[in-house]
Amino acid sequence: MKHALHPSYGPVLFRDRAAGITFLTRSTLVGRLDPDHPRQTWEDGAAYPVVDVDVSRASHPFWTGRGRVLDTVGRVEKFERRYGAGRKSD
């Protein structure tokens, strides 16, 4: 079996600054982070490396319900005007 084939897998804190939450999970990012990477103390008292993310379940529009609603009626009417809805083919 080859040594050092798989990246190391360990605990990492992911911080979503937009939502203001931090959650602890395991990731292969641990092996890619340099030893001087910032660490943060978690609820259990241990310090874990911190990775900032742009979007998480707490700030994503789909999960928060703040997504845009598209005007489907206008789109259907535009399609019908463009392609002649109601025309019968003989």
C-alpha atoms as a PDB file:
ATOM      1  CA  MET A   1       0.000   0.000   0.000  1.00  0.00           C
ATOM      2  CA  LYS A   2       1.350   3.450  -0.870  1.00  0.00           C
ATOM      3  CA  HIS A   3       2.175   5.755   2.006  1.00  0.00           C
ATOM      4  CA  ALA A   4       0.893   9.354   2.098  1.00  0.00           C
ATOM      5  CA  LEU A   5      -1.514   8.704  -0.755  1.00  0.00           C
ATOM      6  CA  HIS A   6      -4.588  10.077   0.984  1.00  0.00           C
ATOM      7  CA  PRO A   7      -4.737  13.537   2.558  1.00  0.00           C
ATOM      8  CA  SER A   8      -5.025  13.787   6.307  1.00  0.00           C
ATOM      9  CA  TYR A   9      -8.565  14.063   7.634  1.00  0.00           C
ATOM     10  CA  GLY A  10      -9.323  15.916  10.827  1.00  0.00           C
ATOM     11  CA  PRO A  11     -11.486  18.441  12.654  1.00  0.00           C
ATOM     12  CA  VAL A  12     -11.860  21.952  11.204  1.00  0.00           C
ATOM     13  CA  LEU A  13     -13.991  24.944  12.184  1.00  0.00           C
ATOM     14  CA  PHE A  14     -15.880  26.486   9.288  1.00  0.00           C
ATOM     15  CA  ARG A  15     -16.903  30.098   9.909  1.00  0.00           C
ATOM     16  CA  ASP A  16     -19.644  31.800   7.903  1.00  0.00           C
ATOM     17  CA  ARG A  17     -19.085  35.480   8.505  1.00  0.00           C
ATOM     18  CA  ALA A  18     -22.256  36.533   6.652  1.00  0.00           C
ATOM     19  CA  ALA A  19     -24.470  34.604   9.070  1.00  0.00           C
ATOM     20  CA  GLY A  20     -22.181  34.853  12.082  1.00  0.00           C
ATOM     21  CA  ILE A  21     -22.053  31.119  12.789  1.00  0.00           C
ATOM     22  CA  THR A  22     -19.222  28.648  13.237  1.00  0.00           C
ATOM     23  CA  PHE A  23     -19.532  24.875  13.041  1.00  0.00           C
ATOM     24  CA  LEU A  24     -17.123  22.049  13.710  1.00  0.00           C
ATOM     25  CA  THR A  25     -16.768  19.196  11.241  1.00  0.00           C
ATOM     26  CA  ARG A  26     -14.058  16.991   9.759  1.00  0.00           C
ATOM     27  CA  SER A  27     -12.360  17.798   6.465  1.00  0.00           C
ATOM     28  CA  THR A  28      -9.305  17.024   4.344  1.00  0.00           C
ATOM     29  CA  LEU A  29      -8.435  20.734   4.426  1.00  0.00           C
ATOM     30  CA  VAL A  30      -6.438  20.018   7.582  1.00  0.00           C
ATOM     31  CA  GLY A  31      -3.619  18.510   5.524  1.00  0.00           C
ATOM     32  CA  ARG A  32      -3.470  21.499   3.153  1.00  0.00           C
ATOM     33  CA  LEU A  33      -3.307  24.206   5.827  1.00  0.00           C
ATOM     34  CA  ASP A  34       0.071  25.488   6.922  1.00  0.00           C
ATOM     35  CA  PRO A  35       1.060  25.111  10.593  1.00  0.00           C
ATOM     36  CA  ASP A  36       0.728  28.878  11.154  1.00  0.00           C
ATOM     37  CA  HIS A  37      -2.910  28.928   9.983  1.00  0.00           C
ATOM     38  CA  PRO A  38      -5.211  30.762  12.450  1.00  0.00           C
ATOM     39  CA  ARG A  39      -6.870  28.641  15.107  1.00  0.00           C
ATOM     40  CA  GLN A  40      -9.911  29.222  17.253  1.00  0.00           C
ATOM     41  CA  THR A  41     -10.933  27.644  20.533  1.00  0.00           C
ATOM     42  CA  TRP A  42     -14.159  25.664  20.335  1.00  0.00           C
ATOM     43  CA  GLU A  43     -16.737  24.839  23.025  1.00  0.00           C
ATOM     44  CA  ASP A  44     -14.780  21.761  24.107  1.00  0.00           C
ATOM     45  CA  GLY A  45     -11.697  23.886  24.904  1.00  0.00           C
ATOM     46  CA  ALA A  46      -9.540  22.583  22.042  1.00  0.00           C
ATOM     47  CA  ALA A  47      -8.126  24.866  19.343  1.00  0.00           C
ATOM     48  CA  TYR A  48      -8.968  23.978  15.742  1.00  0.00           C
ATOM     49  CA  PRO A  49      -7.941  25.533  12.417  1.00  0.00           C
ATOM     50  CA  VAL A  50     -10.513  28.017  11.082  1.00  0.00           C
ATOM     51  CA  VAL A  51     -11.634  28.215   7.444  1.00  0.00           C
ATOM     52  CA  ASP A  52     -13.857  31.116   6.352  1.00  0.00           C
ATOM     53  CA  VAL A  53     -16.615  30.243   3.891  1.00  0.00           C
ATOM     54  CA  ASP A  54     -18.714  32.583   1.760  1.00  0.00           C
ATOM     55  CA  VAL A  55     -21.964  30.629   1.931  1.00  0.00           C
ATOM     56  CA  SER A  56     -23.300  27.974   4.280  1.00  0.00           C
ATOM     57  CA  ARG A  57     -26.721  26.606   5.145  1.00  0.00           C
ATOM     58  CA  ALA A  58     -27.256  29.606   7.416  1.00  0.00           C
ATOM     59  CA  SER A  59     -26.725  32.222   4.702  1.00  0.00           C
ATOM     60  CA  HIS A  60     -27.695  30.499   1.431  1.00  0.00           C
ATOM     61  CA  PRO A  61     -30.873  32.016  -0.086  1.00  0.00           C
ATOM     62  CA  PHE A  62     -32.393  28.599  -0.834  1.00  0.00           C
ATOM     63  CA  TRP A  63     -32.184  27.420   2.787  1.00  0.00           C
ATOM     64  CA  THR A  64     -33.087  30.763   4.381  1.00  0.00           C
ATOM     65  CA  GLY A  65     -36.134  31.412   2.178  1.00  0.00           C
ATOM     66  CA  ARG A  66     -34.789  34.739   0.927  1.00  0.00           C
ATOM     67  CA  GLY A  67     -34.541  33.569  -2.680  1.00  0.00           C
ATOM     68  CA  ARG A  68     -36.028  35.499  -5.568  1.00  0.00           C
ATOM     69  CA  VAL A  69     -39.394  34.542  -6.986  1.00  0.00           C
ATOM     70  CA  LEU A  70     -39.439  34.655 -10.759  1.00  0.00           C
ATOM     71  CA  ASP A  71     -42.380  36.083 -12.674  1.00  0.00           C
ATOM     72  CA  THR A  72     -43.422  32.920 -14.482  1.00  0.00           C
ATOM     73  CA  VAL A  73     -46.644  34.413 -15.840  1.00  0.00           C
ATOM     74  CA  GLY A  74     -44.715  37.077 -17.739  1.00  0.00           C
ATOM     75  CA  ARG A  75     -42.348  34.473 -19.110  1.00  0.00           C
ATOM     76  CA  VAL A  76     -45.193  32.315 -20.431  1.00  0.00           C
ATOM     77  CA  GLU A  77     -46.836  35.297 -22.128  1.00  0.00           C
ATOM     78  CA  LYS A  78     -43.546  36.315 -23.705  1.00  0.00           C
ATOM     79  CA  PHE A  79     -43.082  32.759 -25.015  1.00  0.00           C
ATOM     80  CA  GLU A  80     -46.604  32.723 -26.436  1.00  0.00           C
ATOM     81  CA  ARG A  81     -46.091  36.086 -28.181  1.00  0.00           C
ATOM     82  CA  ARG A  82     -42.770  35.026 -29.616  1.00  0.00           C
ATOM     83  CA  TYR A  83     -43.706  31.575 -30.843  1.00  0.00           C
ATOM     84  CA  GLY A  84     -47.393  32.150 -31.579  1.00  0.00           C
ATOM     85  CA  ALA A  85     -49.239  30.103 -29.039  1.00  0.00           C
ATOM     86  CA  GLY A  86     -52.686  29.080 -30.097  1.00  0.00           C
ATOM     87  CA  ARG A  87     -51.716  28.433 -33.725  1.00  0.00           C
ATOM     88  CA  LYS A  88     -53.049  25.132 -34.887  1.00  0.00           C
ATOM     89  CA  SER A  89     -50.988  22.993 -37.154  1.00  0.00           C
ATOM     90  CA  ASP A  90     -52.904  21.294 -39.981  1.00  0.00           C
END
